Structures are given as structure tokens and as C-alpha cells.
Amino acid sequence: MPGKFVSCTETALLKVLSDVHTAIDSQQVTLLALLDLSAAFDCVDHDVCYASYATSLICGAALEWITSFLLDRSQQVYFKGHLTIKLCLPFGVPF
């Protein structure tokens, strides 16, 4: 059934648009800052990224989210009935 399930991205976008329209209707100043970090983690060591973000303007919940996204990542593959050893992933992000 197309359209039955709405992705988290679509839900977030609808929420942002609703908030912007509400602010405009109330004649409030509206500022939207977007941060796309997906490509930033492809080649740079996670610890280096984290150290950089932890000493920058990013703090609070945003820093906690980035921390959980970057640190202690690992990967295993199940192939032909066997699970490979768990490998640490110091680079890249899930997609």
C-alpha cells in the first residue's frame, strides 16, 4: 500500500515545515540550520572527528547523537551459515 508508511525523514520534514509555517504565521523570525555529516565520516578516523566536534560549537544532545553514531562501531557478516569475527570500524557510517 503506497503511502501507508511514512519514513522518519518524511515525518521530520513535515514537522519542520509545520514549525516554519507556524512561526511565519506568528510573524516570528525563522532560522533553519542543516548539517549533513554523512560524507564527513567516510575517510576520517572516528576518534579524530569526535575530538574535533567535542571541542567545537556542537554540544548537548547533538554531540551525544554524534558520539553514539561514531564510537564503538563494529561489523560482522553472516555468510553460508557462519558468522565472521567482529571487526572494529574506525571509518565510515551505516547507510
PDB file of N, CA and C in Angstrom:
ATOM      1  N   MET A   1       0.825  -1.177   0.000  1.00  0.00           N
ATOM      2  CA  MET A   1       0.000   0.000   0.000  1.00  0.00           C
ATOM      3  C   MET A   1       0.876   1.251   0.000  1.00  0.00           C
ATOM      4  N   PRO A   2       1.060   1.881  -1.135  1.00  0.00           N
ATOM      5  CA  PRO A   2       1.878   3.093  -1.189  1.00  0.00           C
ATOM      6  C   PRO A   2       1.306   4.182  -0.294  1.00  0.00           C
ATOM      7  N   GLY A   3       2.198   4.864   0.394  1.00  0.00           N
ATOM      8  CA  GLY A   3       1.788   5.990   1.222  1.00  0.00           C
ATOM      9  C   GLY A   3       1.326   5.619   2.611  1.00  0.00           C
ATOM     10  N   LYS A   4       1.193   4.323   2.903  1.00  0.00           N
ATOM     11  CA  LYS A   4       0.712   3.930   4.225  1.00  0.00           C
ATOM     12  C   LYS A   4       1.750   4.219   5.306  1.00  0.00           C
ATOM     13  N   PHE A   5       3.002   3.899   5.010  1.00  0.00           N
ATOM     14  CA  PHE A   5       4.069   4.108   5.979  1.00  0.00           C
ATOM     15  C   PHE A   5       4.872   5.342   5.589  1.00  0.00           C
ATOM     16  N   VAL A   6       5.081   6.210   6.563  1.00  0.00           N
ATOM     17  CA  VAL A   6       5.855   7.425   6.332  1.00  0.00           C
ATOM     18  C   VAL A   6       7.205   7.242   7.004  1.00  0.00           C
ATOM     19  N   SER A   7       8.280   7.525   6.268  1.00  0.00           N
ATOM     20  CA  SER A   7       9.614   7.351   6.843  1.00  0.00           C
ATOM     21  C   SER A   7       9.879   8.404   7.910  1.00  0.00           C
ATOM     22  N   CYS A   8      10.876   8.127   8.732  1.00  0.00           N
ATOM     23  CA  CYS A   8      11.265   9.091   9.771  1.00  0.00           C
ATOM     24  C   CYS A   8      11.707  10.406   9.144  1.00  0.00           C
ATOM     25  N   THR A   9      12.362  10.332   7.987  1.00  0.00           N
ATOM     26  CA  THR A   9      12.820  11.545   7.306  1.00  0.00           C
ATOM     27  C   THR A   9      11.633  12.390   6.880  1.00  0.00           C
ATOM     28  N   GLU A  10      10.623  11.741   6.326  1.00  0.00           N
ATOM     29  CA  GLU A  10       9.431  12.473   5.899  1.00  0.00           C
ATOM     30  C   GLU A  10       8.701  13.074   7.096  1.00  0.00           C
ATOM     31  N   THR A  11       8.617  12.337   8.176  1.00  0.00           N
ATOM     32  CA  THR A  11       7.971  12.834   9.394  1.00  0.00           C
ATOM     33  C   THR A  11       8.721  14.056   9.928  1.00  0.00           C
ATOM     34  N   ALA A  12      10.043  13.970   9.954  1.00  0.00           N
ATOM     35  CA  ALA A  12      10.854  15.097  10.428  1.00  0.00           C
ATOM     36  C   ALA A  12      10.680  16.312   9.527  1.00  0.00           C
ATOM     37  N   LEU A  13      10.653  16.085   8.215  1.00  0.00           N
ATOM     38  CA  LEU A  13      10.477  17.185   7.276  1.00  0.00           C
ATOM     39  C   LEU A  13       9.118  17.851   7.457  1.00  0.00           C
ATOM     40  N   LEU A  14       8.079  17.061   7.623  1.00  0.00           N
ATOM     41  CA  LEU A  14       6.735  17.622   7.844  1.00  0.00           C
ATOM     42  C   LEU A  14       6.682  18.427   9.134  1.00  0.00           C
ATOM     43  N   LYS A  15       7.349  17.952  10.175  1.00  0.00           N
ATOM     44  CA  LYS A  15       7.396  18.670  11.452  1.00  0.00           C
ATOM     45  C   LYS A  15       8.110  20.010  11.278  1.00  0.00           C
ATOM     46  N   VAL A  16       9.241  20.000  10.588  1.00  0.00           N
ATOM     47  CA  VAL A  16       9.993  21.237  10.356  1.00  0.00           C
ATOM     48  C   VAL A  16       9.157  22.227   9.553  1.00  0.00           C
ATOM     49  N   LEU A  17       8.538  21.749   8.482  1.00  0.00           N
ATOM     50  CA  LEU A  17       7.705  22.629   7.664  1.00  0.00           C
ATOM     51  C   LEU A  17       6.548  23.206   8.463  1.00  0.00           C
ATOM     52  N   SER A  18       5.928  22.393   9.272  1.00  0.00           N
ATOM     53  CA  SER A  18       4.830  22.864  10.119  1.00  0.00           C
ATOM     54  C   SER A  18       5.306  23.945  11.087  1.00  0.00           C
ATOM     55  N   ASP A  19       6.455  23.711  11.721  1.00  0.00           N
ATOM     56  CA  ASP A  19       7.011  24.701  12.657  1.00  0.00           C
ATOM     57  C   ASP A  19       7.365  26.005  11.951  1.00  0.00           C
ATOM     58  N   VAL A  20       7.925  25.915  10.744  1.00  0.00           N
ATOM     59  CA  VAL A  20       8.276  27.116   9.975  1.00  0.00           C
ATOM     60  C   VAL A  20       7.010  27.886   9.606  1.00  0.00           C
ATOM     61  N   HIS A  21       5.993  27.184   9.127  1.00  0.00           N
ATOM     62  CA  HIS A  21       4.734  27.857   8.771  1.00  0.00           C
ATOM     63  C   HIS A  21       4.085  28.509   9.981  1.00  0.00           C
ATOM     64  N   THR A  22       4.115  27.832  11.118  1.00  0.00           N
ATOM     65  CA  THR A  22       3.556  28.401  12.348  1.00  0.00           C
ATOM     66  C   THR A  22       4.310  29.663  12.756  1.00  0.00           C
ATOM     67  N   ALA A  23       5.625  29.614  12.667  1.00  0.00           N
ATOM     68  CA  ALA A  23       6.439  30.781  13.027  1.00  0.00           C
ATOM     69  C   ALA A  23       6.176  31.942  12.070  1.00  0.00           C
ATOM     70  N   ILE A  24       6.077  31.656  10.785  1.00  0.00           N
ATOM     71  CA  ILE A  24       5.798  32.707   9.806  1.00  0.00           C
ATOM     72  C   ILE A  24       4.430  33.323  10.064  1.00  0.00           C
ATOM     73  N   ASP A  25       3.427  32.479  10.323  1.00  0.00           N
ATOM     74  CA  ASP A  25       2.078  32.973  10.619  1.00  0.00           C
ATOM     75  C   ASP A  25       2.063  33.859  11.858  1.00  0.00           C
ATOM     76  N   SER A  26       2.951  33.582  12.791  1.00  0.00           N
ATOM     77  CA  SER A  26       3.048  34.370  14.025  1.00  0.00           C
ATOM     78  C   SER A  26       4.013  35.540  13.878  1.00  0.00           C
ATOM     79  N   GLN A  27       4.515  35.751  12.665  1.00  0.00           N
ATOM     80  CA  GLN A  27       5.470  36.824  12.349  1.00  0.00           C
ATOM     81  C   GLN A  27       6.732  36.729  13.206  1.00  0.00           C
ATOM     82  N   GLN A  28       7.191  35.506  13.416  1.00  0.00           N
ATOM     83  CA  GLN A  28       8.432  35.282  14.153  1.00  0.00           C
ATOM     84  C   GLN A  28       9.568  35.079  13.158  1.00  0.00           C
ATOM     85  N   VAL A  29      10.761  35.476  13.565  1.00  0.00           N
ATOM     86  CA  VAL A  29      11.938  35.243  12.735  1.00  0.00           C
ATOM     87  C   VAL A  29      12.216  33.743  12.741  1.00  0.00           C
ATOM     88  N   THR A  30      12.502  33.183  11.565  1.00  0.00           N
ATOM     89  CA  THR A  30      12.736  31.746  11.451  1.00  0.00           C
ATOM     90  C   THR A  30      14.111  31.504  10.861  1.00  0.00           C
ATOM     91  N   LEU A  31      14.878  30.654  11.517  1.00  0.00           N
ATOM     92  CA  LEU A  31      16.210  30.288  11.057  1.00  0.00           C
ATOM     93  C   LEU A  31      16.305  28.775  11.062  1.00  0.00           C
ATOM     94  N   LEU A  32      16.737  28.209   9.956  1.00  0.00           N
ATOM     95  CA  LEU A  32      16.903  26.760   9.848  1.00  0.00           C
ATOM     96  C   LEU A  32      18.346  26.480   9.461  1.00  0.00           C
ATOM     97  N   ALA A  33      19.050  25.763  10.309  1.00  0.00           N
ATOM     98  CA  ALA A  33      20.431  25.373  10.014  1.00  0.00           C
ATOM     99  C   ALA A  33      20.466  23.863   9.843  1.00  0.00           C
ATOM    100  N   LEU A  34      20.979  23.405   8.717  1.00  0.00           N
ATOM    101  CA  LEU A  34      21.055  21.979   8.434  1.00  0.00           C
ATOM    102  C   LEU A  34      22.516  21.549   8.407  1.00  0.00           C
ATOM    103  N   LEU A  35      22.777  20.361   8.901  1.00  0.00           N
ATOM    104  CA  LEU A  35      24.138  19.850   8.984  1.00  0.00           C
ATOM    105  C   LEU A  35      24.157  18.422   8.452  1.00  0.00           C
ATOM    106  N   ASP A  36      24.785  18.211   7.305  1.00  0.00           N
ATOM    107  CA  ASP A  36      24.899  16.880   6.712  1.00  0.00           C
ATOM    108  C   ASP A  36      26.313  16.372   6.953  1.00  0.00           C
ATOM    109  N   LEU A  37      26.426  15.426   7.857  1.00  0.00           N
ATOM    110  CA  LEU A  37      27.741  14.918   8.235  1.00  0.00           C
ATOM    111  C   LEU A  37      28.068  13.574   7.604  1.00  0.00           C
ATOM    112  N   SER A  38      27.181  13.044   6.778  1.00  0.00           N
ATOM    113  CA  SER A  38      27.361  11.686   6.274  1.00  0.00           C
ATOM    114  C   SER A  38      28.691  11.488   5.538  1.00  0.00           C
ATOM    115  N   ALA A  39      29.060  12.389   4.664  1.00  0.00           N
ATOM    116  CA  ALA A  39      30.307  12.231   3.912  1.00  0.00           C
ATOM    117  C   ALA A  39      31.537  12.534   4.769  1.00  0.00           C
ATOM    118  N   ALA A  40      31.359  13.256   5.851  1.00  0.00           N
ATOM    119  CA  ALA A  40      32.490  13.639   6.694  1.00  0.00           C
ATOM    120  C   ALA A  40      33.137  12.436   7.362  1.00  0.00           C
ATOM    121  N   PHE A  41      32.403  11.346   7.533  1.00  0.00           N
ATOM    122  CA  PHE A  41      32.920  10.211   8.277  1.00  0.00           C
ATOM    123  C   PHE A  41      33.481   9.114   7.393  1.00  0.00           C
ATOM    124  N   ASP A  42      33.433   9.273   6.086  1.00  0.00           N
ATOM    125  CA  ASP A  42      33.875   8.217   5.188  1.00  0.00           C
ATOM    126  C   ASP A  42      35.374   7.944   5.264  1.00  0.00           C
ATOM    127  N   CYS A  43      36.178   8.974   5.387  1.00  0.00           N
ATOM    128  CA  CYS A  43      37.632   8.812   5.316  1.00  0.00           C
ATOM    129  C   CYS A  43      38.365   9.219   6.582  1.00  0.00           C
ATOM    130  N   VAL A  44      37.713   9.916   7.473  1.00  0.00           N
ATOM    131  CA  VAL A  44      38.381  10.428   8.663  1.00  0.00           C
ATOM    132  C   VAL A  44      38.138   9.479   9.834  1.00  0.00           C
ATOM    133  N   ASP A  45      39.179   9.233  10.591  1.00  0.00           N
ATOM    134  CA  ASP A  45      39.069   8.380  11.770  1.00  0.00           C
ATOM    135  C   ASP A  45      38.008   8.932  12.714  1.00  0.00           C
ATOM    136  N   HIS A  46      37.150   8.053  13.226  1.00  0.00           N
ATOM    137  CA  HIS A  46      36.054   8.478  14.105  1.00  0.00           C
ATOM    138  C   HIS A  46      36.550   9.215  15.342  1.00  0.00           C
ATOM    139  N   ASP A  47      37.650   8.734  15.925  1.00  0.00           N
ATOM    140  CA  ASP A  47      38.174   9.394  17.123  1.00  0.00           C
ATOM    141  C   ASP A  47      38.615  10.822  16.823  1.00  0.00           C
ATOM    142  N   VAL A  48      39.184  11.034  15.645  1.00  0.00           N
ATOM    143  CA  VAL A  48      39.616  12.371  15.233  1.00  0.00           C
ATOM    144  C   VAL A  48      38.390  13.270  15.050  1.00  0.00           C
ATOM    145  N   CYS A  49      37.372  12.749  14.378  1.00  0.00           N
ATOM    146  CA  CYS A  49      36.130  13.514  14.189  1.00  0.00           C
ATOM    147  C   CYS A  49      35.523  13.880  15.532  1.00  0.00           C
ATOM    148  N   TYR A  50      35.414  12.886  16.403  1.00  0.00           N
ATOM    149  CA  TYR A  50      34.790  13.125  17.701  1.00  0.00           C
ATOM    150  C   TYR A  50      35.551  14.182  18.493  1.00  0.00           C
ATOM    151  N   ALA A  51      36.869  14.076  18.517  1.00  0.00           N
ATOM    152  CA  ALA A  51      37.675  15.054  19.254  1.00  0.00           C
ATOM    153  C   ALA A  51      37.466  16.453  18.697  1.00  0.00           C
ATOM    154  N   SER A  52      37.356  16.560  17.388  1.00  0.00           N
ATOM    155  CA  SER A  52      37.140  17.848  16.746  1.00  0.00           C
ATOM    156  C   SER A  52      35.769  18.416  17.108  1.00  0.00           C
ATOM    157  N   TYR A  53      34.742  17.576  17.044  1.00  0.00           N
ATOM    158  CA  TYR A  53      33.382  18.050  17.350  1.00  0.00           C
ATOM    159  C   TYR A  53      33.222  18.374  18.824  1.00  0.00           C
ATOM    160  N   ALA A  54      33.868  17.607  19.679  1.00  0.00           N
ATOM    161  CA  ALA A  54      33.731  17.810  21.117  1.00  0.00           C
ATOM    162  C   ALA A  54      34.325  19.140  21.562  1.00  0.00           C
ATOM    163  N   THR A  55      35.260  19.688  20.787  1.00  0.00           N
ATOM    164  CA  THR A  55      35.872  20.963  21.152  1.00  0.00           C
ATOM    165  C   THR A  55      35.329  22.116  20.305  1.00  0.00           C
ATOM    166  N   SER A  56      34.276  21.853  19.534  1.00  0.00           N
ATOM    167  CA  SER A  56      33.702  22.900  18.677  1.00  0.00           C
ATOM    168  C   SER A  56      32.391  23.404  19.268  1.00  0.00           C
ATOM    169  N   LEU A  57      31.557  23.959  18.426  1.00  0.00           N
ATOM    170  CA  LEU A  57      30.279  24.515  18.864  1.00  0.00           C
ATOM    171  C   LEU A  57      29.211  23.455  19.095  1.00  0.00           C
ATOM    172  N   ILE A  58      29.463  22.225  18.688  1.00  0.00           N
ATOM    173  CA  ILE A  58      28.477  21.162  18.852  1.00  0.00           C
ATOM    174  C   ILE A  58      28.515  20.688  20.304  1.00  0.00           C
ATOM    175  N   CYS A  59      27.353  20.660  20.942  1.00  0.00           N
ATOM    176  CA  CYS A  59      27.300  20.238  22.338  1.00  0.00           C
ATOM    177  C   CYS A  59      25.932  19.635  22.646  1.00  0.00           C
ATOM    178  N   GLY A  60      25.766  19.199  23.860  1.00  0.00           N
ATOM    179  CA  GLY A  60      24.482  18.692  24.321  1.00  0.00           C
ATOM    180  C   GLY A  60      24.018  17.462  23.564  1.00  0.00           C
ATOM    181  N   ALA A  61      22.728  17.454  23.228  1.00  0.00           N
ATOM    182  CA  ALA A  61      22.116  16.299  22.575  1.00  0.00           C
ATOM    183  C   ALA A  61      22.739  16.024  21.208  1.00  0.00           C
ATOM    184  N   ALA A  62      23.107  17.077  20.482  1.00  0.00           N
ATOM    185  CA  ALA A  62      23.715  16.881  19.163  1.00  0.00           C
ATOM    186  C   ALA A  62      25.048  16.143  19.294  1.00  0.00           C
ATOM    187  N   LEU A  63      25.867  16.516  20.268  1.00  0.00           N
ATOM    188  CA  LEU A  63      27.155  15.842  20.475  1.00  0.00           C
ATOM    189  C   LEU A  63      26.942  14.404  20.946  1.00  0.00           C
ATOM    190  N   GLU A  64      25.945  14.174  21.792  1.00  0.00           N
ATOM    191  CA  GLU A  64      25.643  12.816  22.242  1.00  0.00           C
ATOM    192  C   GLU A  64      25.223  11.935  21.066  1.00  0.00           C
ATOM    193  N   TRP A  65      24.420  12.482  20.149  1.00  0.00           N
ATOM    194  CA  TRP A  65      23.981  11.723  18.982  1.00  0.00           C
ATOM    195  C   TRP A  65      25.175  11.372  18.099  1.00  0.00           C
ATOM    196  N   ILE A  66      26.035  12.347  17.845  1.00  0.00           N
ATOM    197  CA  ILE A  66      27.215  12.100  17.012  1.00  0.00           C
ATOM    198  C   ILE A  66      28.116  11.067  17.686  1.00  0.00           C
ATOM    199  N   THR A  67      28.268  11.164  18.994  1.00  0.00           N
ATOM    200  CA  THR A  67      29.094  10.219  19.736  1.00  0.00           C
ATOM    201  C   THR A  67      28.557   8.803  19.576  1.00  0.00           C
ATOM    202  N   SER A  68      27.255   8.622  19.769  1.00  0.00           N
ATOM    203  CA  SER A  68      26.682   7.276  19.654  1.00  0.00           C
ATOM    204  C   SER A  68      26.766   6.758  18.220  1.00  0.00           C
ATOM    205  N   PHE A  69      26.763   7.670  17.261  1.00  0.00           N
ATOM    206  CA  PHE A  69      26.835   7.306  15.855  1.00  0.00           C
ATOM    207  C   PHE A  69      28.244   6.880  15.451  1.00  0.00           C
ATOM    208  N   LEU A  70      29.261   7.468  16.084  1.00  0.00           N
ATOM    209  CA  LEU A  70      30.644   7.249  15.672  1.00  0.00           C
ATOM    210  C   LEU A  70      31.400   6.205  16.481  1.00  0.00           C
ATOM    211  N   LEU A  71      31.312   6.280  17.778  1.00  0.00           N
ATOM    212  CA  LEU A  71      32.209   5.500  18.625  1.00  0.00           C
ATOM    213  C   LEU A  71      31.726   4.064  18.824  1.00  0.00           C
ATOM    214  N   ASP A  72      32.670   3.166  18.997  1.00  0.00           N
ATOM    215  CA  ASP A  72      32.417   1.751  19.285  1.00  0.00           C
ATOM    216  C   ASP A  72      31.602   1.049  18.200  1.00  0.00           C
ATOM    217  N   ARG A  73      31.882   1.351  16.937  1.00  0.00           N
ATOM    218  CA  ARG A  73      31.174   0.705  15.824  1.00  0.00           C
ATOM    219  C   ARG A  73      31.909  -0.580  15.439  1.00  0.00           C
ATOM    220  N   SER A  74      31.142  -1.586  15.077  1.00  0.00           N
ATOM    221  CA  SER A  74      31.733  -2.847  14.640  1.00  0.00           C
ATOM    222  C   SER A  74      30.848  -3.468  13.563  1.00  0.00           C
ATOM    223  N   GLN A  75      31.376  -4.519  12.949  1.00  0.00           N
ATOM    224  CA  GLN A  75      30.645  -5.164  11.868  1.00  0.00           C
ATOM    225  C   GLN A  75      30.933  -6.662  11.865  1.00  0.00           C
ATOM    226  N   GLN A  76      29.893  -7.455  11.613  1.00  0.00           N
ATOM    227  CA  GLN A  76      30.022  -8.886  11.413  1.00  0.00           C
ATOM    228  C   GLN A  76      29.184  -9.254  10.205  1.00  0.00           C
ATOM    229  N   VAL A  77      29.580 -10.329   9.543  1.00  0.00           N
ATOM    230  CA  VAL A  77      28.845 -10.788   8.365  1.00  0.00           C
ATOM    231  C   VAL A  77      28.455 -12.244   8.572  1.00  0.00           C
ATOM    232  N   TYR A  78      27.206 -12.557   8.259  1.00  0.00           N
ATOM    233  CA  TYR A  78      26.726 -13.933   8.296  1.00  0.00           C
ATOM    234  C   TYR A  78      26.741 -14.452   6.861  1.00  0.00           C
ATOM    235  N   PHE A  79      27.547 -15.485   6.610  1.00  0.00           N
ATOM    236  CA  PHE A  79      27.702 -15.998   5.247  1.00  0.00           C
ATOM    237  C   PHE A  79      27.770 -17.522   5.269  1.00  0.00           C
ATOM    238  N   LYS A  80      26.899 -18.148   4.520  1.00  0.00           N
ATOM    239  CA  LYS A  80      26.850 -19.608   4.397  1.00  0.00           C
ATOM    240  C   LYS A  80      26.823 -20.294   5.760  1.00  0.00           C
ATOM    241  N   GLY A  81      25.974 -19.797   6.628  1.00  0.00           N
ATOM    242  CA  GLY A  81      25.784 -20.425   7.929  1.00  0.00           C
ATOM    243  C   GLY A  81      26.834 -20.108   8.966  1.00  0.00           C
ATOM    244  N   HIS A  82      27.752 -19.205   8.662  1.00  0.00           N
ATOM    245  CA  HIS A  82      28.810 -18.871   9.615  1.00  0.00           C
ATOM    246  C   HIS A  82      28.872 -17.359   9.837  1.00  0.00           C
ATOM    247  N   LEU A  83      29.179 -16.993  11.058  1.00  0.00           N
ATOM    248  CA  LEU A  83      29.324 -15.585  11.417  1.00  0.00           C
ATOM    249  C   LEU A  83      30.809 -15.258  11.493  1.00  0.00           C
ATOM    250  N   THR A  84      31.214 -14.217  10.778  1.00  0.00           N
ATOM    251  CA  THR A  84      32.629 -13.822  10.802  1.00  0.00           C
ATOM    252  C   THR A  84      32.982 -13.215  12.146  1.00  0.00           C
ATOM    253  N   ILE A  85      34.270 -13.003  12.361  1.00  0.00           N
ATOM    254  CA  ILE A  85      34.691 -12.318  13.585  1.00  0.00           C
ATOM    255  C   ILE A  85      34.216 -10.869  13.526  1.00  0.00           C
ATOM    256  N   LYS A  86      34.031 -10.288  14.682  1.00  0.00           N
ATOM    257  CA  LYS A  86      33.595  -8.897  14.755  1.00  0.00           C
ATOM    258  C   LYS A  86      34.801  -7.988  14.534  1.00  0.00           C
ATOM    259  N   LEU A  87      34.666  -7.064  13.589  1.00  0.00           N
ATOM    260  CA  LEU A  87      35.745  -6.129  13.283  1.00  0.00           C
ATOM    261  C   LEU A  87      35.360  -4.724  13.719  1.00  0.00           C
ATOM    262  N   CYS A  88      36.315  -4.018  14.272  1.00  0.00           N
ATOM    263  CA  CYS A  88      36.131  -2.621  14.650  1.00  0.00           C
ATOM    264  C   CYS A  88      36.080  -1.772  13.379  1.00  0.00           C
ATOM    265  N   LEU A  89      35.177  -0.792  13.350  1.00  0.00           N
ATOM    266  CA  LEU A  89      35.060   0.105  12.193  1.00  0.00           C
ATOM    267  C   LEU A  89      35.443   1.522  12.601  1.00  0.00           C
ATOM    268  N   PRO A  90      36.705   1.896  12.390  1.00  0.00           N
ATOM    269  CA  PRO A  90      37.117   3.252  12.747  1.00  0.00           C
ATOM    270  C   PRO A  90      36.739   4.304  11.709  1.00  0.00           C
ATOM    271  N   PHE A  91      36.245   3.860  10.526  1.00  0.00           N
ATOM    272  CA  PHE A  91      35.877   4.784   9.456  1.00  0.00           C
ATOM    273  C   PHE A  91      34.486   4.424   8.958  1.00  0.00           C
ATOM    274  N   GLY A  92      33.854   5.354   8.263  1.00  0.00           N
ATOM    275  CA  GLY A  92      32.575   5.092   7.615  1.00  0.00           C
ATOM    276  C   GLY A  92      31.405   5.105   8.569  1.00  0.00           C
ATOM    277  N   VAL A  93      30.210   5.107   7.994  1.00  0.00           N
ATOM    278  CA  VAL A  93      28.980   5.111   8.769  1.00  0.00           C
ATOM    279  C   VAL A  93      27.979   4.169   8.104  1.00  0.00           C
ATOM    280  N   PRO A  94      26.989   3.706   8.874  1.00  0.00           N
ATOM    281  CA  PRO A  94      25.988   2.830   8.272  1.00  0.00           C
ATOM    282  C   PRO A  94      25.122   3.610   7.291  1.00  0.00           C
ATOM    283  N   PHE A  95      24.583   2.912   6.306  1.00  0.00           N
ATOM    284  CA  PHE A  95      23.701   3.577   5.364  1.00  0.00           C
ATOM    285  C   PHE A  95      22.437   2.783   5.219  1.00  0.00           C
TER     286      PHE A  95
END
